[in-house]
């Protein structure tokens, strides 16, 4: 199973949507809630090629992007293979 990490803010609707998609797929993920934590946000931005918006999602240390990127990858059929899910 893939190692999935997601940086979130607790009141972010896009974060909720991204986590819901992963949960529907039965995927466990490590969530980093970074509400107002600039040091944590700086770490996230460094990993995410400078992107500071949330959520930022990583699968096996590969930067996926945000909520829209995750859903687009799923629609294109690219998410399940990254997650190690069989078709």
PDB file of N, CA and C in Angstrom:
ATOM      1  N   UNK A   1       0.852  -1.194   0.000  1.00  0.00           N
ATOM      2  CA  UNK A   1       0.000   0.000   0.000  1.00  0.00           C
ATOM      3  C   UNK A   1       0.887   1.243   0.000  1.00  0.00           C
ATOM      4  N   UNK A   2       0.452   2.247  -0.700  1.00  0.00           N
ATOM      5  CA  UNK A   2       1.224   3.478  -0.845  1.00  0.00           C
ATOM      6  C   UNK A   2       1.239   4.276   0.457  1.00  0.00           C
ATOM      7  N   UNK A   3       2.285   5.068   0.623  1.00  0.00           N
ATOM      8  CA  UNK A   3       2.383   6.001   1.738  1.00  0.00           C
ATOM      9  C   UNK A   3       1.784   7.326   1.273  1.00  0.00           C
ATOM     10  N   UNK A   4       0.621   7.697   1.838  1.00  0.00           N
ATOM     11  CA  UNK A   4      -0.088   8.904   1.421  1.00  0.00           C
ATOM     12  C   UNK A   4      -0.017   9.933   2.547  1.00  0.00           C
ATOM     13  N   UNK A   5       0.405  11.150   2.188  1.00  0.00           N
ATOM     14  CA  UNK A   5       0.477  12.250   3.149  1.00  0.00           C
ATOM     15  C   UNK A   5      -0.333  13.413   2.592  1.00  0.00           C
ATOM     16  N   UNK A   6      -1.038  14.095   3.497  1.00  0.00           N
ATOM     17  CA  UNK A   6      -1.838  15.248   3.069  1.00  0.00           C
ATOM     18  C   UNK A   6      -1.713  16.353   4.116  1.00  0.00           C
ATOM     19  N   UNK A   7      -1.374  17.540   3.633  1.00  0.00           N
ATOM     20  CA  UNK A   7      -1.294  18.729   4.492  1.00  0.00           C
ATOM     21  C   UNK A   7      -2.630  19.449   4.391  1.00  0.00           C
ATOM     22  N   UNK A   8      -3.223  19.764   5.536  1.00  0.00           N
ATOM     23  CA  UNK A   8      -4.566  20.352   5.544  1.00  0.00           C
ATOM     24  C   UNK A   8      -4.687  21.501   6.540  1.00  0.00           C
ATOM     25  N   UNK A   9      -5.783  22.236   6.392  1.00  0.00           N
ATOM     26  CA  UNK A   9      -6.310  23.124   7.428  1.00  0.00           C
ATOM     27  C   UNK A   9      -7.637  22.496   7.842  1.00  0.00           C
ATOM     28  N   UNK A  10      -7.972  22.579   9.099  1.00  0.00           N
ATOM     29  CA  UNK A  10      -9.159  21.871   9.593  1.00  0.00           C
ATOM     30  C   UNK A  10     -10.461  22.390   8.993  1.00  0.00           C
ATOM     31  N   UNK A  11     -10.550  23.668   8.638  1.00  0.00           N
ATOM     32  CA  UNK A  11     -11.805  24.224   8.118  1.00  0.00           C
ATOM     33  C   UNK A  11     -11.793  24.383   6.601  1.00  0.00           C
ATOM     34  N   UNK A  12     -10.924  23.669   5.905  1.00  0.00           N
ATOM     35  CA  UNK A  12     -10.770  23.826   4.460  1.00  0.00           C
ATOM     36  C   UNK A  12     -11.671  22.842   3.712  1.00  0.00           C
ATOM     37  N   UNK A  13     -12.654  23.339   2.934  1.00  0.00           N
ATOM     38  CA  UNK A  13     -13.558  22.425   2.223  1.00  0.00           C
ATOM     39  C   UNK A  13     -12.844  21.566   1.168  1.00  0.00           C
ATOM     40  N   UNK A  14     -11.788  22.096   0.557  1.00  0.00           N
ATOM     41  CA  UNK A  14     -11.036  21.308  -0.428  1.00  0.00           C
ATOM     42  C   UNK A  14     -10.291  20.163   0.256  1.00  0.00           C
ATOM     43  N   UNK A  15      -9.810  20.423   1.475  1.00  0.00           N
ATOM     44  CA  UNK A  15      -9.128  19.379   2.251  1.00  0.00           C
ATOM     45  C   UNK A  15     -10.112  18.258   2.583  1.00  0.00           C
ATOM     46  N   UNK A  16     -11.325  18.633   2.973  1.00  0.00           N
ATOM     47  CA  UNK A  16     -12.361  17.652   3.297  1.00  0.00           C
ATOM     48  C   UNK A  16     -12.678  16.794   2.067  1.00  0.00           C
ATOM     49  N   UNK A  17     -12.794  17.416   0.899  1.00  0.00           N
ATOM     50  CA  UNK A  17     -13.089  16.672  -0.342  1.00  0.00           C
ATOM     51  C   UNK A  17     -11.962  15.705  -0.699  1.00  0.00           C
ATOM     52  N   UNK A  18     -10.725  16.160  -0.564  1.00  0.00           N
ATOM     53  CA  UNK A  18      -9.580  15.300  -0.893  1.00  0.00           C
ATOM     54  C   UNK A  18      -9.522  14.104   0.049  1.00  0.00           C
ATOM     55  N   UNK A  19      -9.712  14.350   1.350  1.00  0.00           N
ATOM     56  CA  UNK A  19      -9.687  13.250   2.331  1.00  0.00           C
ATOM     57  C   UNK A  19     -10.847  12.294   2.086  1.00  0.00           C
ATOM     58  N   UNK A  20     -12.004  12.813   1.690  1.00  0.00           N
ATOM     59  CA  UNK A  20     -13.170  11.964   1.427  1.00  0.00           C
ATOM     60  C   UNK A  20     -12.897  11.014   0.265  1.00  0.00           C
ATOM     61  N   UNK A  21     -12.238  11.506  -0.778  1.00  0.00           N
ATOM     62  CA  UNK A  21     -11.909  10.649  -1.917  1.00  0.00           C
ATOM     63  C   UNK A  21     -10.973   9.519  -1.485  1.00  0.00           C
ATOM     64  N   UNK A  22      -9.948   9.860  -0.732  1.00  0.00           N
ATOM     65  CA  UNK A  22      -9.010   8.836  -0.261  1.00  0.00           C
ATOM     66  C   UNK A  22      -9.709   7.829   0.647  1.00  0.00           C
ATOM     67  N   UNK A  23     -10.588   8.325   1.510  1.00  0.00           N
ATOM     68  CA  UNK A  23     -11.319   7.446   2.430  1.00  0.00           C
ATOM     69  C   UNK A  23     -12.236   6.505   1.658  1.00  0.00           C
ATOM     70  N   UNK A  24     -12.937   7.029   0.620  1.00  0.00           N
ATOM     71  CA  UNK A  24     -13.806   6.178  -0.206  1.00  0.00           C
ATOM     72  C   UNK A  24     -13.018   5.057  -0.864  1.00  0.00           C
ATOM     73  N   UNK A  25     -11.758   5.327  -1.173  1.00  0.00           N
ATOM     74  CA  UNK A  25     -10.916   4.316  -1.801  1.00  0.00           C
ATOM     75  C   UNK A  25     -10.304   3.359  -0.775  1.00  0.00           C
ATOM     76  N   UNK A  26     -10.581   3.593   0.504  1.00  0.00           N
ATOM     77  CA  UNK A  26     -10.075   2.715   1.551  1.00  0.00           C
ATOM     78  C   UNK A  26      -8.592   2.893   1.827  1.00  0.00           C
ATOM     79  N   UNK A  27      -8.089   4.092   1.541  1.00  0.00           N
ATOM     80  CA  UNK A  27      -6.661   4.364   1.686  1.00  0.00           C
ATOM     81  C   UNK A  27      -6.390   5.077   3.008  1.00  0.00           C
ATOM     82  N   UNK A  28      -5.444   4.540   3.765  1.00  0.00           N
ATOM     83  CA  UNK A  28      -5.006   5.213   4.991  1.00  0.00           C
ATOM     84  C   UNK A  28      -4.055   6.334   4.582  1.00  0.00           C
ATOM     85  N   UNK A  29      -4.092   7.443   5.318  1.00  0.00           N
ATOM     86  CA  UNK A  29      -3.197   8.552   5.002  1.00  0.00           C
ATOM     87  C   UNK A  29      -2.745   9.234   6.281  1.00  0.00           C
ATOM     88  N   UNK A  30      -1.575   9.837   6.207  1.00  0.00           N
ATOM     89  CA  UNK A  30      -1.031  10.631   7.307  1.00  0.00           C
ATOM     90  C   UNK A  30      -1.442  12.070   7.053  1.00  0.00           C
ATOM     91  N   UNK A  31      -2.195  12.641   7.978  1.00  0.00           N
ATOM     92  CA  UNK A  31      -2.655  14.022   7.824  1.00  0.00           C
ATOM     93  C   UNK A  31      -1.838  14.940   8.716  1.00  0.00           C
ATOM     94  N   UNK A  32      -1.390  16.043   8.128  1.00  0.00           N
ATOM     95  CA  UNK A  32      -0.689  17.086   8.879  1.00  0.00           C
ATOM     96  C   UNK A  32      -1.591  18.312   8.874  1.00  0.00           C
ATOM     97  N   UNK A  33      -2.230  18.595  10.007  1.00  0.00           N
ATOM     98  CA  UNK A  33      -3.099  19.770  10.123  1.00  0.00           C
ATOM     99  C   UNK A  33      -2.198  20.946  10.492  1.00  0.00           C
ATOM    100  N   UNK A  34      -2.079  21.909   9.579  1.00  0.00           N
ATOM    101  CA  UNK A  34      -1.091  22.977   9.758  1.00  0.00           C
ATOM    102  C   UNK A  34      -1.735  24.340  10.012  1.00  0.00           C
ATOM    103  N   UNK A  35      -2.952  24.358  10.548  1.00  0.00           N
ATOM    104  CA  UNK A  35      -3.670  25.613  10.813  1.00  0.00           C
ATOM    105  C   UNK A  35      -2.758  26.659  11.466  1.00  0.00           C
ATOM    106  N   UNK A  36      -2.453  27.714  10.738  1.00  0.00           N
ATOM    107  CA  UNK A  36      -1.706  28.829  11.303  1.00  0.00           C
ATOM    108  C   UNK A  36      -0.260  28.524  11.653  1.00  0.00           C
ATOM    109  N   UNK A  37       0.254  27.365  11.323  1.00  0.00           N
ATOM    110  CA  UNK A  37       1.628  26.978  11.670  1.00  0.00           C
ATOM    111  C   UNK A  37       2.538  27.294  10.483  1.00  0.00           C
ATOM    112  N   UNK A  38       3.156  28.465  10.526  1.00  0.00           N
ATOM    113  CA  UNK A  38       3.967  28.914   9.377  1.00  0.00           C
ATOM    114  C   UNK A  38       5.188  28.027   9.152  1.00  0.00           C
ATOM    115  N   UNK A  39       5.765  27.483  10.218  1.00  0.00           N
ATOM    116  CA  UNK A  39       6.927  26.599  10.060  1.00  0.00           C
ATOM    117  C   UNK A  39       6.520  25.335   9.294  1.00  0.00           C
ATOM    118  N   UNK A  40       5.377  24.760   9.666  1.00  0.00           N
ATOM    119  CA  UNK A  40       4.886  23.559   8.978  1.00  0.00           C
ATOM    120  C   UNK A  40       4.511  23.896   7.537  1.00  0.00           C
ATOM    121  N   UNK A  41       3.942  25.075   7.332  1.00  0.00           N
ATOM    122  CA  UNK A  41       3.567  25.480   5.974  1.00  0.00           C
ATOM    123  C   UNK A  41       4.810  25.656   5.102  1.00  0.00           C
ATOM    124  N   UNK A  42       5.885  26.162   5.691  1.00  0.00           N
ATOM    125  CA  UNK A  42       7.139  26.327   4.948  1.00  0.00           C
ATOM    126  C   UNK A  42       7.701  24.969   4.532  1.00  0.00           C
ATOM    127  N   UNK A  43       7.618  23.978   5.413  1.00  0.00           N
ATOM    128  CA  UNK A  43       8.071  22.617   5.090  1.00  0.00           C
ATOM    129  C   UNK A  43       7.227  22.064   3.945  1.00  0.00           C
ATOM    130  N   UNK A  44       5.904  22.231   4.055  1.00  0.00           N
ATOM    131  CA  UNK A  44       4.998  21.765   3.004  1.00  0.00           C
ATOM    132  C   UNK A  44       5.347  22.430   1.673  1.00  0.00           C
ATOM    133  N   UNK A  45       5.527  23.752   1.678  1.00  0.00           N
ATOM    134  CA  UNK A  45       5.811  24.497   0.452  1.00  0.00           C
ATOM    135  C   UNK A  45       7.127  24.047  -0.171  1.00  0.00           C
ATOM    136  N   UNK A  46       8.102  23.738   0.656  1.00  0.00           N
ATOM    137  CA  UNK A  46       9.390  23.259   0.144  1.00  0.00           C
ATOM    138  C   UNK A  46       9.197  21.923  -0.579  1.00  0.00           C
ATOM    139  N   UNK A  47       8.391  21.045   0.005  1.00  0.00           N
ATOM    140  CA  UNK A  47       8.117  19.747  -0.618  1.00  0.00           C
ATOM    141  C   UNK A  47       7.242  19.900  -1.854  1.00  0.00           C
ATOM    142  N   UNK A  48       6.382  20.922  -1.876  1.00  0.00           N
ATOM    143  CA  UNK A  48       5.373  21.078  -2.930  1.00  0.00           C
ATOM    144  C   UNK A  48       5.798  22.087  -3.996  1.00  0.00           C
ATOM    145  N   UNK A  49       7.095  22.206  -4.220  1.00  0.00           N
ATOM    146  CA  UNK A  49       7.604  23.100  -5.272  1.00  0.00           C
ATOM    147  C   UNK A  49       7.098  24.525  -5.113  1.00  0.00           C
ATOM    148  N   UNK A  50       7.007  24.988  -3.868  1.00  0.00           N
ATOM    149  CA  UNK A  50       6.623  26.367  -3.604  1.00  0.00           C
ATOM    150  C   UNK A  50       5.139  26.602  -3.420  1.00  0.00           C
ATOM    151  N   UNK A  51       4.326  25.588  -3.646  1.00  0.00           N
ATOM    152  CA  UNK A  51       2.873  25.777  -3.484  1.00  0.00           C
ATOM    153  C   UNK A  51       2.531  25.866  -2.003  1.00  0.00           C
ATOM    154  N   UNK A  52       1.776  26.917  -1.639  1.00  0.00           N
ATOM    155  CA  UNK A  52       1.444  27.167  -0.239  1.00  0.00           C
ATOM    156  C   UNK A  52      -0.038  26.956   0.070  1.00  0.00           C
ATOM    157  N   UNK A  53      -0.827  26.625  -0.943  1.00  0.00           N
ATOM    158  CA  UNK A  53      -2.258  26.389  -0.719  1.00  0.00           C
ATOM    159  C   UNK A  53      -2.456  24.980  -0.152  1.00  0.00           C
ATOM    160  N   UNK A  54      -3.567  24.789   0.538  1.00  0.00           N
ATOM    161  CA  UNK A  54      -3.901  23.463   1.062  1.00  0.00           C
ATOM    162  C   UNK A  54      -5.165  22.971   0.365  1.00  0.00           C
ATOM    163  N   UNK A  55      -5.322  21.668   0.225  1.00  0.00           N
ATOM    164  CA  UNK A  55      -4.375  20.651   0.671  1.00  0.00           C
ATOM    165  C   UNK A  55      -3.218  20.496  -0.318  1.00  0.00           C
ATOM    166  N   UNK A  56      -2.133  19.902   0.155  1.00  0.00           N
ATOM    167  CA  UNK A  56      -1.061  19.428  -0.714  1.00  0.00           C
ATOM    168  C   UNK A  56      -0.925  17.944  -0.412  1.00  0.00           C
ATOM    169  N   UNK A  57      -0.918  17.140  -1.460  1.00  0.00           N
ATOM    170  CA  UNK A  57      -0.991  15.692  -1.314  1.00  0.00           C
ATOM    171  C   UNK A  57       0.255  15.056  -1.922  1.00  0.00           C
ATOM    172  N   UNK A  58       0.787  14.075  -1.206  1.00  0.00           N
ATOM    173  CA  UNK A  58       1.967  13.338  -1.642  1.00  0.00           C
ATOM    174  C   UNK A  58       1.666  11.848  -1.564  1.00  0.00           C
ATOM    175  N   UNK A  59       2.048  11.110  -2.606  1.00  0.00           N
ATOM    176  CA  UNK A  59       1.920   9.654  -2.600  1.00  0.00           C
ATOM    177  C   UNK A  59       3.317   9.093  -2.827  1.00  0.00           C
ATOM    178  N   UNK A  60       3.803   8.340  -1.843  1.00  0.00           N
ATOM    179  CA  UNK A  60       5.174   7.802  -1.899  1.00  0.00           C
ATOM    180  C   UNK A  60       6.182   8.898  -2.242  1.00  0.00           C
ATOM    181  N   UNK A  61       6.062  10.030  -1.541  1.00  0.00           N
ATOM    182  CA  UNK A  61       6.946  11.197  -1.701  1.00  0.00           C
ATOM    183  C   UNK A  61       6.832  11.885  -3.056  1.00  0.00           C
ATOM    184  N   UNK A  62       5.891  11.467  -3.888  1.00  0.00           N
ATOM    185  CA  UNK A  62       5.645  12.157  -5.168  1.00  0.00           C
ATOM    186  C   UNK A  62       4.566  13.203  -4.941  1.00  0.00           C
ATOM    187  N   UNK A  63       4.861  14.446  -5.322  1.00  0.00           N
ATOM    188  CA  UNK A  63       3.892  15.529  -5.143  1.00  0.00           C
ATOM    189  C   UNK A  63       2.768  15.383  -6.156  1.00  0.00           C
ATOM    190  N   UNK A  64       1.543  15.240  -5.655  1.00  0.00           N
ATOM    191  CA  UNK A  64       0.359  15.110  -6.513  1.00  0.00           C
ATOM    192  C   UNK A  64      -0.252  16.476  -6.779  1.00  0.00           C
ATOM    193  N   UNK A  65      -0.257  17.325  -5.765  1.00  0.00           N
ATOM    194  CA  UNK A  65      -0.853  18.649  -5.882  1.00  0.00           C
ATOM    195  C   UNK A  65      -1.982  18.803  -4.891  1.00  0.00           C
ATOM    196  N   UNK A  66      -3.006  19.559  -5.295  1.00  0.00           N
ATOM    197  CA  UNK A  66      -4.126  19.847  -4.415  1.00  0.00           C
ATOM    198  C   UNK A  66      -5.331  18.971  -4.695  1.00  0.00           C
ATOM    199  N   UNK A  67      -6.473  19.395  -4.187  1.00  0.00           N
ATOM    200  CA  UNK A  67      -7.727  18.643  -4.304  1.00  0.00           C
ATOM    201  C   UNK A  67      -8.119  18.436  -5.769  1.00  0.00           C
ATOM    202  N   UNK A  68      -8.096  19.498  -6.563  1.00  0.00           N
ATOM    203  CA  UNK A  68      -8.483  19.377  -7.973  1.00  0.00           C
ATOM    204  C   UNK A  68      -7.539  18.444  -8.721  1.00  0.00           C
ATOM    205  N   UNK A  69      -6.249  18.517  -8.403  1.00  0.00           N
ATOM    206  CA  UNK A  69      -5.263  17.642  -9.038  1.00  0.00           C
ATOM    207  C   UNK A  69      -5.542  16.177  -8.695  1.00  0.00           C
ATOM    208  N   UNK A  70      -5.878  15.917  -7.441  1.00  0.00           N
ATOM    209  CA  UNK A  70      -6.166  14.550  -6.991  1.00  0.00           C
ATOM    210  C   UNK A  70      -7.392  13.997  -7.718  1.00  0.00           C
ATOM    211  N   UNK A  71      -8.457  14.804  -7.794  1.00  0.00           N
ATOM    212  CA  UNK A  71      -9.675  14.352  -8.470  1.00  0.00           C
ATOM    213  C   UNK A  71      -9.446  14.164  -9.976  1.00  0.00           C
ATOM    214  N   UNK A  72      -8.660  15.044 -10.587  1.00  0.00           N
ATOM    215  CA  UNK A  72      -8.359  14.917 -12.015  1.00  0.00           C
ATOM    216  C   UNK A  72      -7.572  13.630 -12.275  1.00  0.00           C
ATOM    217  N   UNK A  73      -6.619  13.349 -11.414  1.00  0.00           N
ATOM    218  CA  UNK A  73      -5.823  12.125 -11.549  1.00  0.00           C
ATOM    219  C   UNK A  73      -6.721  10.897 -11.434  1.00  0.00           C
ATOM    220  N   UNK A  74      -7.695  10.964 -10.523  1.00  0.00           N
ATOM    221  CA  UNK A  74      -8.628   9.853 -10.356  1.00  0.00           C
ATOM    222  C   UNK A  74      -9.487   9.677 -11.612  1.00  0.00           C
ATOM    223  N   UNK A  75     -10.013  10.786 -12.153  1.00  0.00           N
ATOM    224  CA  UNK A  75     -10.844  10.716 -13.367  1.00  0.00           C
ATOM    225  C   UNK A  75     -10.073  10.146 -14.555  1.00  0.00           C
ATOM    226  N   UNK A  76      -8.777  10.438 -14.605  1.00  0.00           N
ATOM    227  CA  UNK A  76      -7.932   9.965 -15.713  1.00  0.00           C
ATOM    228  C   UNK A  76      -7.466   8.523 -15.500  1.00  0.00           C
ATOM    229  N   UNK A  77      -7.824   7.930 -14.358  1.00  0.00           N
ATOM    230  CA  UNK A  77      -7.434   6.548 -14.090  1.00  0.00           C
ATOM    231  C   UNK A  77      -6.020   6.393 -13.565  1.00  0.00           C
ATOM    232  N   UNK A  78      -5.393   7.490 -13.177  1.00  0.00           N
ATOM    233  CA  UNK A  78      -4.004   7.426 -12.717  1.00  0.00           C
ATOM    234  C   UNK A  78      -3.821   7.301 -11.224  1.00  0.00           C
ATOM    235  N   UNK A  79      -4.894   7.511 -10.454  1.00  0.00           N
ATOM    236  CA  UNK A  79      -4.752   7.508  -9.003  1.00  0.00           C
ATOM    237  C   UNK A  79      -4.622   6.100  -8.431  1.00  0.00           C
ATOM    238  N   UNK A  80      -5.498   5.188  -8.849  1.00  0.00           N
ATOM    239  CA  UNK A  80      -5.481   3.836  -8.281  1.00  0.00           C
ATOM    240  C   UNK A  80      -4.111   3.157  -8.411  1.00  0.00           C
ATOM    241  N   UNK A  81      -3.461   3.222  -9.591  1.00  0.00           N
ATOM    242  CA  UNK A  81      -2.134   2.598  -9.684  1.00  0.00           C
ATOM    243  C   UNK A  81      -1.117   3.197  -8.701  1.00  0.00           C
ATOM    244  N   UNK A  82      -1.164   4.529  -8.516  1.00  0.00           N
ATOM    245  CA  UNK A  82      -0.243   5.164  -7.567  1.00  0.00           C
ATOM    246  C   UNK A  82      -0.520   4.693  -6.143  1.00  0.00           C
ATOM    247  N   UNK A  83      -1.784   4.450  -5.851  1.00  0.00           N
ATOM    248  CA  UNK A  83      -2.169   4.008  -4.502  1.00  0.00           C
ATOM    249  C   UNK A  83      -1.948   2.522  -4.299  1.00  0.00           C
ATOM    250  N   UNK A  84      -1.600   1.821  -5.362  1.00  0.00           N
ATOM    251  CA  UNK A  84      -1.402   0.385  -5.256  1.00  0.00           C
ATOM    252  C   UNK A  84      -2.708  -0.399  -5.227  1.00  0.00           C
ATOM    253  N   UNK A  85      -3.765   0.219  -5.767  1.00  0.00           N
ATOM    254  CA  UNK A  85      -5.066  -0.450  -5.824  1.00  0.00           C
ATOM    255  C   UNK A  85      -5.208  -1.122  -7.167  1.00  0.00           C
ATOM    256  N   UNK A  86      -5.723  -2.329  -7.180  1.00  0.00           N
ATOM    257  CA  UNK A  86      -5.920  -3.029  -8.456  1.00  0.00           C
ATOM    258  C   UNK A  86      -7.237  -2.578  -9.079  1.00  0.00           C
ATOM    259  N   UNK A  87      -7.281  -2.603 -10.375  1.00  0.00           N
ATOM    260  CA  UNK A  87      -8.474  -2.144 -11.109  1.00  0.00           C
ATOM    261  C   UNK A  87      -9.626  -3.112 -10.955  1.00  0.00           C
TER     262      UNK A  87
END
